[in-house]
């Protein structure tokens, strides 16, 4: 369950201008988020979120979070969902990024997870 939750998050995270540079920078930001999530390091998770408006889509309600506080709102909804479904000690394994699109101030990346 946790892997499915993160696969959507990681694959549909739109990263604003701060990270819309080379494709490797986009993948690195997503990997930083997943690594921080896996280690349970809330400060590192927060540091992985891009500044500015972010859009996150995931498989639990409310399914979409947008704006400058989307990351924190997603985390709160994830915690609520995890408690309701009995998910604990989430750990996500990921593969190499399979697609990265950078267009001006925006980026899109697909990072397969297990």
PDB file of N, CA and C in Angstrom:
ATOM      1  N   UNK A   1       0.825  -1.191   0.000  1.00  0.00           N
ATOM      2  CA  UNK A   1       0.000   0.000   0.000  1.00  0.00           C
ATOM      3  C   UNK A   1       0.867   1.252   0.000  1.00  0.00           C
ATOM      4  N   UNK A   2       1.889   1.268   0.844  1.00  0.00           N
ATOM      5  CA  UNK A   2       2.735   2.455   0.924  1.00  0.00           C
ATOM      6  C   UNK A   2       3.438   2.702  -0.404  1.00  0.00           C
ATOM      7  N   UNK A   3       3.885   1.633  -1.071  1.00  0.00           N
ATOM      8  CA  UNK A   3       4.575   1.808  -2.340  1.00  0.00           C
ATOM      9  C   UNK A   3       3.663   2.434  -3.374  1.00  0.00           C
ATOM     10  N   UNK A   4       2.416   1.985  -3.424  1.00  0.00           N
ATOM     11  CA  UNK A   4       1.479   2.561  -4.378  1.00  0.00           C
ATOM     12  C   UNK A   4       1.232   4.031  -4.076  1.00  0.00           C
ATOM     13  N   UNK A   5       1.172   4.378  -2.814  1.00  0.00           N
ATOM     14  CA  UNK A   5       0.945   5.772  -2.446  1.00  0.00           C
ATOM     15  C   UNK A   5       2.100   6.642  -2.908  1.00  0.00           C
ATOM     16  N   UNK A   6       3.303   6.186  -2.725  1.00  0.00           N
ATOM     17  CA  UNK A   6       4.467   6.981  -3.085  1.00  0.00           C
ATOM     18  C   UNK A   6       4.709   6.990  -4.586  1.00  0.00           C
ATOM     19  N   UNK A   7       4.369   5.885  -5.287  1.00  0.00           N
ATOM     20  CA  UNK A   7       4.593   5.871  -6.734  1.00  0.00           C
ATOM     21  C   UNK A   7       3.823   6.999  -7.399  1.00  0.00           C
ATOM     22  N   UNK A   8       2.590   7.208  -6.973  1.00  0.00           N
ATOM     23  CA  UNK A   8       1.807   8.271  -7.574  1.00  0.00           C
ATOM     24  C   UNK A   8       2.363   9.622  -7.174  1.00  0.00           C
ATOM     25  N   UNK A   9       2.698   9.779  -5.924  1.00  0.00           N
ATOM     26  CA  UNK A   9       3.272  11.034  -5.464  1.00  0.00           C
ATOM     27  C   UNK A   9       4.548  11.341  -6.237  1.00  0.00           C
ATOM     28  N   UNK A  10       5.428  10.385  -6.295  1.00  0.00           N
ATOM     29  CA  UNK A  10       6.711  10.621  -6.938  1.00  0.00           C
ATOM     30  C   UNK A  10       6.563  10.814  -8.441  1.00  0.00           C
ATOM     31  N   UNK A  11       5.597  10.156  -9.044  1.00  0.00           N
ATOM     32  CA  UNK A  11       5.487  10.259 -10.485  1.00  0.00           C
ATOM     33  C   UNK A  11       4.723  11.485 -10.939  1.00  0.00           C
ATOM     34  N   UNK A  12       3.939  12.096 -10.070  1.00  0.00           N
ATOM     35  CA  UNK A  12       3.129  13.233 -10.496  1.00  0.00           C
ATOM     36  C   UNK A  12       3.470  14.520  -9.761  1.00  0.00           C
ATOM     37  N   UNK A  13       4.624  14.581  -9.197  1.00  0.00           N
ATOM     38  CA  UNK A  13       5.060  15.783  -8.495  1.00  0.00           C
ATOM     39  C   UNK A  13       5.550  16.801  -9.510  1.00  0.00           C
ATOM     40  N   UNK A  14       4.891  17.934  -9.573  1.00  0.00           N
ATOM     41  CA  UNK A  14       5.322  19.002 -10.469  1.00  0.00           C
ATOM     42  C   UNK A  14       6.228  19.933  -9.683  1.00  0.00           C
ATOM     43  N   UNK A  15       7.443  20.077 -10.144  1.00  0.00           N
ATOM     44  CA  UNK A  15       8.446  20.820  -9.398  1.00  0.00           C
ATOM     45  C   UNK A  15       8.667  22.172 -10.060  1.00  0.00           C
ATOM     46  N   UNK A  16       8.493  23.270  -9.328  1.00  0.00           N
ATOM     47  CA  UNK A  16       8.627  24.598  -9.928  1.00  0.00           C
ATOM     48  C   UNK A  16      10.061  24.994 -10.270  1.00  0.00           C
ATOM     49  N   UNK A  17      10.217  26.228 -10.647  1.00  0.00           N
ATOM     50  CA  UNK A  17      11.464  26.736 -11.210  1.00  0.00           C
ATOM     51  C   UNK A  17      12.702  26.419 -10.386  1.00  0.00           C
ATOM     52  N   UNK A  18      12.579  26.340  -9.081  1.00  0.00           N
ATOM     53  CA  UNK A  18      13.749  26.080  -8.244  1.00  0.00           C
ATOM     54  C   UNK A  18      14.432  24.783  -8.646  1.00  0.00           C
ATOM     55  N   UNK A  19      13.676  23.836  -9.173  1.00  0.00           N
ATOM     56  CA  UNK A  19      14.261  22.555  -9.548  1.00  0.00           C
ATOM     57  C   UNK A  19      14.111  22.259 -11.031  1.00  0.00           C
ATOM     58  N   UNK A  20      13.499  23.133 -11.778  1.00  0.00           N
ATOM     59  CA  UNK A  20      13.277  22.874 -13.198  1.00  0.00           C
ATOM     60  C   UNK A  20      14.531  23.184 -13.988  1.00  0.00           C
ATOM     61  N   UNK A  21      15.563  22.431 -13.704  1.00  0.00           N
ATOM     62  CA  UNK A  21      16.842  22.563 -14.380  1.00  0.00           C
ATOM     63  C   UNK A  21      17.083  21.262 -15.133  1.00  0.00           C
ATOM     64  N   UNK A  22      18.286  20.729 -15.122  1.00  0.00           N
ATOM     65  CA  UNK A  22      18.509  19.454 -15.794  1.00  0.00           C
ATOM     66  C   UNK A  22      17.627  18.344 -15.211  1.00  0.00           C
ATOM     67  N   UNK A  23      17.336  17.350 -16.044  1.00  0.00           N
ATOM     68  CA  UNK A  23      16.484  16.237 -15.635  1.00  0.00           C
ATOM     69  C   UNK A  23      17.028  15.544 -14.388  1.00  0.00           C
ATOM     70  N   UNK A  24      18.348  15.449 -14.267  1.00  0.00           N
ATOM     71  CA  UNK A  24      18.934  14.812 -13.083  1.00  0.00           C
ATOM     72  C   UNK A  24      18.546  15.539 -11.806  1.00  0.00           C
ATOM     73  N   UNK A  25      18.449  16.868 -11.851  1.00  0.00           N
ATOM     74  CA  UNK A  25      18.047  17.633 -10.670  1.00  0.00           C
ATOM     75  C   UNK A  25      16.637  17.269 -10.243  1.00  0.00           C
ATOM     76  N   UNK A  26      15.749  17.066 -11.210  1.00  0.00           N
ATOM     77  CA  UNK A  26      14.371  16.693 -10.908  1.00  0.00           C
ATOM     78  C   UNK A  26      14.346  15.324 -10.235  1.00  0.00           C
ATOM     79  N   UNK A  27      15.029  14.353 -10.806  1.00  0.00           N
ATOM     80  CA  UNK A  27      15.078  13.008 -10.228  1.00  0.00           C
ATOM     81  C   UNK A  27      15.710  13.024  -8.849  1.00  0.00           C
ATOM     82  N   UNK A  28      16.767  13.808  -8.692  1.00  0.00           N
ATOM     83  CA  UNK A  28      17.436  13.885  -7.393  1.00  0.00           C
ATOM     84  C   UNK A  28      16.502  14.405  -6.313  1.00  0.00           C
ATOM     85  N   UNK A  29      15.678  15.387  -6.643  1.00  0.00           N
ATOM     86  CA  UNK A  29      14.734  15.932  -5.661  1.00  0.00           C
ATOM     87  C   UNK A  29      13.717  14.869  -5.245  1.00  0.00           C
ATOM     88  N   UNK A  30      13.234  14.094  -6.194  1.00  0.00           N
ATOM     89  CA  UNK A  30      12.271  13.040  -5.877  1.00  0.00           C
ATOM     90  C   UNK A  30      12.942  11.947  -5.040  1.00  0.00           C
ATOM     91  N   UNK A  31      14.156  11.558  -5.421  1.00  0.00           N
ATOM     92  CA  UNK A  31      14.886  10.545  -4.645  1.00  0.00           C
ATOM     93  C   UNK A  31      15.162  11.049  -3.228  1.00  0.00           C
ATOM     94  N   UNK A  32      15.477  12.340  -3.100  1.00  0.00           N
ATOM     95  CA  UNK A  32      15.715  12.931  -1.777  1.00  0.00           C
ATOM     96  C   UNK A  32      14.461  12.793  -0.921  1.00  0.00           C
ATOM     97  N   UNK A  33      13.307  13.083  -1.507  1.00  0.00           N
ATOM     98  CA  UNK A  33      12.044  12.949  -0.775  1.00  0.00           C
ATOM     99  C   UNK A  33      11.826  11.508  -0.330  1.00  0.00           C
ATOM    100  N   UNK A  34      11.966  10.553  -1.248  1.00  0.00           N
ATOM    101  CA  UNK A  34      11.713   9.144  -0.907  1.00  0.00           C
ATOM    102  C   UNK A  34      12.705   8.661   0.141  1.00  0.00           C
ATOM    103  N   UNK A  35      13.978   9.005  -0.012  1.00  0.00           N
ATOM    104  CA  UNK A  35      14.982   8.592   0.978  1.00  0.00           C
ATOM    105  C   UNK A  35      14.663   9.158   2.358  1.00  0.00           C
ATOM    106  N   UNK A  36      14.242  10.407   2.409  1.00  0.00           N
ATOM    107  CA  UNK A  36      13.883  11.023   3.692  1.00  0.00           C
ATOM    108  C   UNK A  36      12.648  10.349   4.275  1.00  0.00           C
ATOM    109  N   UNK A  37      11.664  10.062   3.435  1.00  0.00           N
ATOM    110  CA  UNK A  37      10.455   9.356   3.881  1.00  0.00           C
ATOM    111  C   UNK A  37      10.836   8.003   4.461  1.00  0.00           C
ATOM    112  N   UNK A  38      11.690   7.258   3.757  1.00  0.00           N
ATOM    113  CA  UNK A  38      12.098   5.930   4.215  1.00  0.00           C
ATOM    114  C   UNK A  38      12.815   5.981   5.556  1.00  0.00           C
ATOM    115  N   UNK A  39      13.583   7.038   5.777  1.00  0.00           N
ATOM    116  CA  UNK A  39      14.340   7.137   7.029  1.00  0.00           C
ATOM    117  C   UNK A  39      13.501   7.717   8.172  1.00  0.00           C
ATOM    118  N   UNK A  40      12.298   8.210   7.850  1.00  0.00           N
ATOM    119  CA  UNK A  40      11.443   8.803   8.879  1.00  0.00           C
ATOM    120  C   UNK A  40      11.914  10.173   9.325  1.00  0.00           C
ATOM    121  N   UNK A  41      12.722  10.818   8.511  1.00  0.00           N
ATOM    122  CA  UNK A  41      13.292  12.131   8.840  1.00  0.00           C
ATOM    123  C   UNK A  41      12.366  13.243   8.342  1.00  0.00           C
ATOM    124  N   UNK A  42      11.476  13.721   9.205  1.00  0.00           N
ATOM    125  CA  UNK A  42      10.480  14.722   8.824  1.00  0.00           C
ATOM    126  C   UNK A  42      11.120  16.015   8.324  1.00  0.00           C
ATOM    127  N   UNK A  43      12.234  16.428   8.926  1.00  0.00           N
ATOM    128  CA  UNK A  43      12.895  17.656   8.487  1.00  0.00           C
ATOM    129  C   UNK A  43      13.443  17.505   7.067  1.00  0.00           C
ATOM    130  N   UNK A  44      14.010  16.341   6.775  1.00  0.00           N
ATOM    131  CA  UNK A  44      14.536  16.103   5.428  1.00  0.00           C
ATOM    132  C   UNK A  44      13.405  15.982   4.411  1.00  0.00           C
ATOM    133  N   UNK A  45      12.278  15.411   4.822  1.00  0.00           N
ATOM    134  CA  UNK A  45      11.108  15.359   3.936  1.00  0.00           C
ATOM    135  C   UNK A  45      10.679  16.782   3.595  1.00  0.00           C
ATOM    136  N   UNK A  46      10.568  17.627   4.614  1.00  0.00           N
ATOM    137  CA  UNK A  46      10.182  19.022   4.382  1.00  0.00           C
ATOM    138  C   UNK A  46      11.178  19.727   3.460  1.00  0.00           C
ATOM    139  N   UNK A  47      12.460  19.457   3.646  1.00  0.00           N
ATOM    140  CA  UNK A  47      13.485  20.097   2.830  1.00  0.00           C
ATOM    141  C   UNK A  47      13.409  19.651   1.370  1.00  0.00           C
ATOM    142  N   UNK A  48      12.837  18.483   1.131  1.00  0.00           N
ATOM    143  CA  UNK A  48      12.756  17.960  -0.233  1.00  0.00           C
ATOM    144  C   UNK A  48      11.660  18.632  -1.053  1.00  0.00           C
ATOM    145  N   UNK A  49      10.688  19.235  -0.379  1.00  0.00           N
ATOM    146  CA  UNK A  49       9.618  19.904  -1.115  1.00  0.00           C
ATOM    147  C   UNK A  49      10.155  21.155  -1.778  1.00  0.00           C
ATOM    148  N   UNK A  50       9.750  21.362  -3.012  1.00  0.00           N
ATOM    149  CA  UNK A  50      10.150  22.558  -3.737  1.00  0.00           C
ATOM    150  C   UNK A  50       9.414  23.770  -3.178  1.00  0.00           C
ATOM    151  N   UNK A  51      10.050  24.912  -3.250  1.00  0.00           N
ATOM    152  CA  UNK A  51       9.391  26.154  -2.840  1.00  0.00           C
ATOM    153  C   UNK A  51       8.417  26.560  -3.942  1.00  0.00           C
ATOM    154  N   UNK A  52       7.392  27.251  -3.563  1.00  0.00           N
ATOM    155  CA  UNK A  52       6.411  27.697  -4.551  1.00  0.00           C
ATOM    156  C   UNK A  52       5.252  26.732  -4.644  1.00  0.00           C
ATOM    157  N   UNK A  53       4.516  26.841  -5.703  1.00  0.00           N
ATOM    158  CA  UNK A  53       3.326  26.024  -5.886  1.00  0.00           C
ATOM    159  C   UNK A  53       3.705  24.625  -6.350  1.00  0.00           C
ATOM    160  N   UNK A  54       3.194  23.634  -5.651  1.00  0.00           N
ATOM    161  CA  UNK A  54       3.444  22.227  -5.953  1.00  0.00           C
ATOM    162  C   UNK A  54       2.111  21.544  -6.145  1.00  0.00           C
ATOM    163  N   UNK A  55       2.075  20.534  -7.004  1.00  0.00           N
ATOM    164  CA  UNK A  55       0.869  19.742  -7.216  1.00  0.00           C
ATOM    165  C   UNK A  55       1.200  18.284  -6.956  1.00  0.00           C
ATOM    166  N   UNK A  56       0.407  17.629  -6.109  1.00  0.00           N
ATOM    167  CA  UNK A  56       0.607  16.223  -5.764  1.00  0.00           C
ATOM    168  C   UNK A  56      -0.707  15.496  -6.009  1.00  0.00           C
ATOM    169  N   UNK A  57      -0.627  14.343  -6.663  1.00  0.00           N
ATOM    170  CA  UNK A  57      -1.782  13.482  -6.876  1.00  0.00           C
ATOM    171  C   UNK A  57      -1.441  12.124  -6.285  1.00  0.00           C
ATOM    172  N   UNK A  58      -2.393  11.549  -5.534  1.00  0.00           N
ATOM    173  CA  UNK A  58      -2.136  10.260  -4.893  1.00  0.00           C
ATOM    174  C   UNK A  58      -3.424   9.465  -4.817  1.00  0.00           C
ATOM    175  N   UNK A  59      -3.336   8.227  -4.353  1.00  0.00           N
ATOM    176  CA  UNK A  59      -4.481   7.320  -4.398  1.00  0.00           C
ATOM    177  C   UNK A  59      -5.390   7.359  -3.169  1.00  0.00           C
ATOM    178  N   UNK A  60      -5.228   8.301  -2.283  1.00  0.00           N
ATOM    179  CA  UNK A  60      -6.108   8.412  -1.121  1.00  0.00           C
ATOM    180  C   UNK A  60      -6.675   9.827  -1.044  1.00  0.00           C
ATOM    181  N   UNK A  61      -7.826   9.934  -0.389  1.00  0.00           N
ATOM    182  CA  UNK A  61      -8.543  11.210  -0.303  1.00  0.00           C
ATOM    183  C   UNK A  61      -7.687  12.279   0.375  1.00  0.00           C
ATOM    184  N   UNK A  62      -7.771  13.472  -0.129  1.00  0.00           N
ATOM    185  CA  UNK A  62      -8.631  13.997  -1.185  1.00  0.00           C
ATOM    186  C   UNK A  62      -8.044  13.846  -2.590  1.00  0.00           C
ATOM    187  N   UNK A  63      -7.006  13.038  -2.776  1.00  0.00           N
ATOM    188  CA  UNK A  63      -6.434  12.658  -4.067  1.00  0.00           C
ATOM    189  C   UNK A  63      -5.570  13.714  -4.753  1.00  0.00           C
ATOM    190  N   UNK A  64      -5.776  14.981  -4.454  1.00  0.00           N
ATOM    191  CA  UNK A  64      -4.972  16.028  -5.085  1.00  0.00           C
ATOM    192  C   UNK A  64      -4.743  17.173  -4.102  1.00  0.00           C
ATOM    193  N   UNK A  65      -3.484  17.597  -4.027  1.00  0.00           N
ATOM    194  CA  UNK A  65      -3.099  18.707  -3.158  1.00  0.00           C
ATOM    195  C   UNK A  65      -2.315  19.693  -4.018  1.00  0.00           C
ATOM    196  N   UNK A  66      -2.618  20.966  -3.892  1.00  0.00           N
ATOM    197  CA  UNK A  66      -1.918  21.969  -4.694  1.00  0.00           C
ATOM    198  C   UNK A  66      -1.586  23.191  -3.847  1.00  0.00           C
ATOM    199  N   UNK A  67      -0.613  23.942  -4.317  1.00  0.00           N
ATOM    200  CA  UNK A  67      -0.254  25.186  -3.658  1.00  0.00           C
ATOM    201  C   UNK A  67       1.054  25.091  -2.909  1.00  0.00           C
ATOM    202  N   UNK A  68       1.446  26.159  -2.246  1.00  0.00           N
ATOM    203  CA  UNK A  68       2.733  26.194  -1.555  1.00  0.00           C
ATOM    204  C   UNK A  68       2.806  25.282  -0.331  1.00  0.00           C
ATOM    205  N   UNK A  69       1.664  24.839   0.184  1.00  0.00           N
ATOM    206  CA  UNK A  69       1.658  23.961   1.362  1.00  0.00           C
ATOM    207  C   UNK A  69       1.162  22.562   1.021  1.00  0.00           C
ATOM    208  N   UNK A  70       1.187  22.214  -0.261  1.00  0.00           N
ATOM    209  CA  UNK A  70       0.684  20.921  -0.708  1.00  0.00           C
ATOM    210  C   UNK A  70       1.419  19.760  -0.042  1.00  0.00           C
ATOM    211  N   UNK A  71       2.717  19.876   0.117  1.00  0.00           N
ATOM    212  CA  UNK A  71       3.496  18.800   0.725  1.00  0.00           C
ATOM    213  C   UNK A  71       3.067  18.502   2.145  1.00  0.00           C
ATOM    214  N   UNK A  72       2.862  19.528   2.932  1.00  0.00           N
ATOM    215  CA  UNK A  72       2.444  19.338   4.320  1.00  0.00           C
ATOM    216  C   UNK A  72       1.014  18.808   4.395  1.00  0.00           C
ATOM    217  N   UNK A  73       0.147  19.302   3.508  1.00  0.00           N
ATOM    218  CA  UNK A  73      -1.236  18.818   3.492  1.00  0.00           C
ATOM    219  C   UNK A  73      -1.273  17.351   3.064  1.00  0.00           C
ATOM    220  N   UNK A  74      -0.430  16.981   2.077  1.00  0.00           N
ATOM    221  CA  UNK A  74      -0.343  15.583   1.662  1.00  0.00           C
ATOM    222  C   UNK A  74       0.123  14.716   2.826  1.00  0.00           C
ATOM    223  N   UNK A  75       1.147  15.161   3.540  1.00  0.00           N
ATOM    224  CA  UNK A  75       1.690  14.376   4.653  1.00  0.00           C
ATOM    225  C   UNK A  75       0.635  14.150   5.731  1.00  0.00           C
ATOM    226  N   UNK A  76      -0.152  15.157   6.030  1.00  0.00           N
ATOM    227  CA  UNK A  76      -1.214  15.011   7.033  1.00  0.00           C
ATOM    228  C   UNK A  76      -2.271  14.015   6.554  1.00  0.00           C
ATOM    229  N   UNK A  77      -2.638  14.099   5.275  1.00  0.00           N
ATOM    230  CA  UNK A  77      -3.627  13.164   4.732  1.00  0.00           C
ATOM    231  C   UNK A  77      -3.057  11.753   4.671  1.00  0.00           C
ATOM    232  N   UNK A  78      -1.765  11.630   4.347  1.00  0.00           N
ATOM    233  CA  UNK A  78      -1.124  10.314   4.336  1.00  0.00           C
ATOM    234  C   UNK A  78      -1.153   9.690   5.731  1.00  0.00           C
ATOM    235  N   UNK A  79      -0.790  10.467   6.745  1.00  0.00           N
ATOM    236  CA  UNK A  79      -0.805   9.953   8.118  1.00  0.00           C
ATOM    237  C   UNK A  79      -2.198   9.478   8.509  1.00  0.00           C
ATOM    238  N   UNK A  80      -3.204  10.247   8.176  1.00  0.00           N
ATOM    239  CA  UNK A  80      -4.590   9.877   8.482  1.00  0.00           C
ATOM    240  C   UNK A  80      -4.965   8.578   7.766  1.00  0.00           C
ATOM    241  N   UNK A  81      -4.616   8.487   6.499  1.00  0.00           N
ATOM    242  CA  UNK A  81      -4.913   7.292   5.709  1.00  0.00           C
ATOM    243  C   UNK A  81      -4.149   6.075   6.259  1.00  0.00           C
ATOM    244  N   UNK A  82      -2.881   6.263   6.579  1.00  0.00           N
ATOM    245  CA  UNK A  82      -2.066   5.166   7.095  1.00  0.00           C
ATOM    246  C   UNK A  82      -2.629   4.632   8.407  1.00  0.00           C
ATOM    247  N   UNK A  83      -3.050   5.521   9.287  1.00  0.00           N
ATOM    248  CA  UNK A  83      -3.639   5.084  10.557  1.00  0.00           C
ATOM    249  C   UNK A  83      -4.944   4.329  10.324  1.00  0.00           C
ATOM    250  N   UNK A  84      -5.752   4.812   9.401  1.00  0.00           N
ATOM    251  CA  UNK A  84      -7.045   4.187   9.126  1.00  0.00           C
ATOM    252  C   UNK A  84      -6.894   2.809   8.470  1.00  0.00           C
ATOM    253  N   UNK A  85      -5.815   2.607   7.719  1.00  0.00           N
ATOM    254  CA  UNK A  85      -5.623   1.346   7.004  1.00  0.00           C
ATOM    255  C   UNK A  85      -4.573   0.445   7.633  1.00  0.00           C
ATOM    256  N   UNK A  86      -3.984   0.875   8.738  1.00  0.00           N
ATOM    257  CA  UNK A  86      -3.013   0.045   9.444  1.00  0.00           C
ATOM    258  C   UNK A  86      -1.626   0.016   8.825  1.00  0.00           C
ATOM    259  N   UNK A  87      -1.309   0.985   7.986  1.00  0.00           N
ATOM    260  CA  UNK A  87       0.021   1.061   7.389  1.00  0.00           C
ATOM    261  C   UNK A  87       0.994   1.629   8.417  1.00  0.00           C
ATOM    262  N   UNK A  88       2.134   0.958   8.581  1.00  0.00           N
ATOM    263  CA  UNK A  88       3.156   1.478   9.493  1.00  0.00           C
ATOM    264  C   UNK A  88       4.536   1.180   8.912  1.00  0.00           C
ATOM    265  N   UNK A  89       5.509   1.947   9.333  1.00  0.00           N
ATOM    266  CA  UNK A  89       6.886   1.751   8.887  1.00  0.00           C
ATOM    267  C   UNK A  89       6.999   1.652   7.374  1.00  0.00           C
ATOM    268  N   UNK A  90       6.433   2.615   6.682  1.00  0.00           N
ATOM    269  CA  UNK A  90       6.485   2.620   5.226  1.00  0.00           C
ATOM    270  C   UNK A  90       7.908   2.690   4.713  1.00  0.00           C
ATOM    271  N   UNK A  91       8.179   1.955   3.649  1.00  0.00           N
ATOM    272  CA  UNK A  91       9.481   1.961   3.008  1.00  0.00           C
ATOM    273  C   UNK A  91       9.265   1.788   1.511  1.00  0.00           C
ATOM    274  N   UNK A  92       9.869   2.644   0.721  1.00  0.00           N
ATOM    275  CA  UNK A  92       9.671   2.632  -0.717  1.00  0.00           C
ATOM    276  C   UNK A  92      11.001   2.368  -1.411  1.00  0.00           C
ATOM    277  N   UNK A  93      10.993   1.408  -2.313  1.00  0.00           N
ATOM    278  CA  UNK A  93      12.157   1.150  -3.165  1.00  0.00           C
ATOM    279  C   UNK A  93      11.838   1.732  -4.527  1.00  0.00           C
ATOM    280  N   UNK A  94      12.813   2.397  -5.130  1.00  0.00           N
ATOM    281  CA  UNK A  94      12.563   3.019  -6.421  1.00  0.00           C
ATOM    282  C   UNK A  94      13.615   2.641  -7.438  1.00  0.00           C
ATOM    283  N   UNK A  95      13.219   2.737  -8.704  1.00  0.00           N
ATOM    284  CA  UNK A  95      14.099   2.472  -9.835  1.00  0.00           C
ATOM    285  C   UNK A  95      14.539   3.798 -10.437  1.00  0.00           C
ATOM    286  N   UNK A  96      15.304   3.698 -11.491  1.00  0.00           N
ATOM    287  CA  UNK A  96      15.714   4.907 -12.211  1.00  0.00           C
ATOM    288  C   UNK A  96      14.493   5.614 -12.795  1.00  0.00           C
ATOM    289  N   UNK A  97      14.588   6.896 -12.910  1.00  0.00           N
ATOM    290  CA  UNK A  97      13.530   7.701 -13.519  1.00  0.00           C
ATOM    291  C   UNK A  97      13.355   7.252 -14.970  1.00  0.00           C
ATOM    292  N   UNK A  98      12.087   7.003 -15.359  1.00  0.00           N
ATOM    293  CA  UNK A  98      11.832   6.541 -16.726  1.00  0.00           C
ATOM    294  C   UNK A  98      11.422   7.666 -17.663  1.00  0.00           C
ATOM    295  N   UNK A  99      10.985   8.781 -17.110  1.00  0.00           N
ATOM    296  CA  UNK A  99      10.588   9.908 -17.965  1.00  0.00           C
ATOM    297  C   UNK A  99      10.741  11.204 -17.183  1.00  0.00           C
ATOM    298  N   UNK A 100      11.318  12.189 -17.828  1.00  0.00           N
ATOM    299  CA  UNK A 100      11.417  13.523 -17.251  1.00  0.00           C
ATOM    300  C   UNK A 100      11.130  14.537 -18.346  1.00  0.00           C
ATOM    301  N   UNK A 101      10.250  15.445 -18.056  1.00  0.00           N
ATOM    302  CA  UNK A 101       9.924  16.542 -18.964  1.00  0.00           C
ATOM    303  C   UNK A 101      10.150  17.846 -18.214  1.00  0.00           C
ATOM    304  N   UNK A 102      10.904  18.733 -18.778  1.00  0.00           N
ATOM    305  CA  UNK A 102      11.137  20.050 -18.193  1.00  0.00           C
ATOM    306  C   UNK A 102      10.689  21.077 -19.219  1.00  0.00           C
ATOM    307  N   UNK A 103       9.808  21.975 -18.782  1.00  0.00           N
ATOM    308  CA  UNK A 103       9.300  23.014 -19.671  1.00  0.00           C
ATOM    309  C   UNK A 103       9.281  24.327 -18.903  1.00  0.00           C
ATOM    310  N   UNK A 104      10.276  25.131 -19.148  1.00  0.00           N
ATOM    311  CA  UNK A 104      10.351  26.418 -18.464  1.00  0.00           C
ATOM    312  C   UNK A 104      10.444  26.242 -16.962  1.00  0.00           C
ATOM    313  N   UNK A 105       9.423  26.709 -16.253  1.00  0.00           N
ATOM    314  CA  UNK A 105       9.419  26.675 -14.797  1.00  0.00           C
ATOM    315  C   UNK A 105       8.809  25.410 -14.206  1.00  0.00           C
ATOM    316  N   UNK A 106       8.501  24.419 -15.031  1.00  0.00           N
ATOM    317  CA  UNK A 106       7.815  23.227 -14.535  1.00  0.00           C
ATOM    318  C   UNK A 106       8.538  21.964 -14.971  1.00  0.00           C
ATOM    319  N   UNK A 107       8.354  20.925 -14.168  1.00  0.00           N
ATOM    320  CA  UNK A 107       8.956  19.629 -14.497  1.00  0.00           C
ATOM    321  C   UNK A 107       7.978  18.534 -14.111  1.00  0.00           C
ATOM    322  N   UNK A 108       8.091  17.424 -14.836  1.00  0.00           N
ATOM    323  CA  UNK A 108       7.275  16.235 -14.596  1.00  0.00           C
ATOM    324  C   UNK A 108       8.217  15.048 -14.659  1.00  0.00           C
ATOM    325  N   UNK A 109       8.101  14.135 -13.711  1.00  0.00           N
ATOM    326  CA  UNK A 109       8.986  12.965 -13.723  1.00  0.00           C
ATOM    327  C   UNK A 109       8.203  11.735 -13.300  1.00  0.00           C
ATOM    328  N   UNK A 110       8.603  10.588 -13.892  1.00  0.00           N
ATOM    329  CA  UNK A 110       8.020   9.298 -13.521  1.00  0.00           C
ATOM    330  C   UNK A 110       9.149   8.473 -12.908  1.00  0.00           C
ATOM    331  N   UNK A 111       8.952   8.087 -11.647  1.00  0.00           N
ATOM    332  CA  UNK A 111       9.924   7.282 -10.928  1.00  0.00           C
ATOM    333  C   UNK A 111       9.221   6.009 -10.464  1.00  0.00           C
ATOM    334  N   UNK A 112       9.475   4.875 -11.132  1.00  0.00           N
ATOM    335  CA  UNK A 112       8.825   3.626 -10.715  1.00  0.00           C
ATOM    336  C   UNK A 112       9.237   3.223  -9.301  1.00  0.00           C
ATOM    337  N   UNK A 113       8.280   2.750  -8.533  1.00  0.00           N
ATOM    338  CA  UNK A 113       8.562   2.294  -7.165  1.00  0.00           C
ATOM    339  C   UNK A 113       7.983   0.909  -6.953  1.00  0.00           C
ATOM    340  N   UNK A 114       8.507   0.251  -5.954  1.00  0.00           N
ATOM    341  CA  UNK A 114       8.028  -1.089  -5.584  1.00  0.00           C
ATOM    342  C   UNK A 114       7.334  -1.015  -4.253  1.00  0.00           C
TER     343      UNK A 114
END
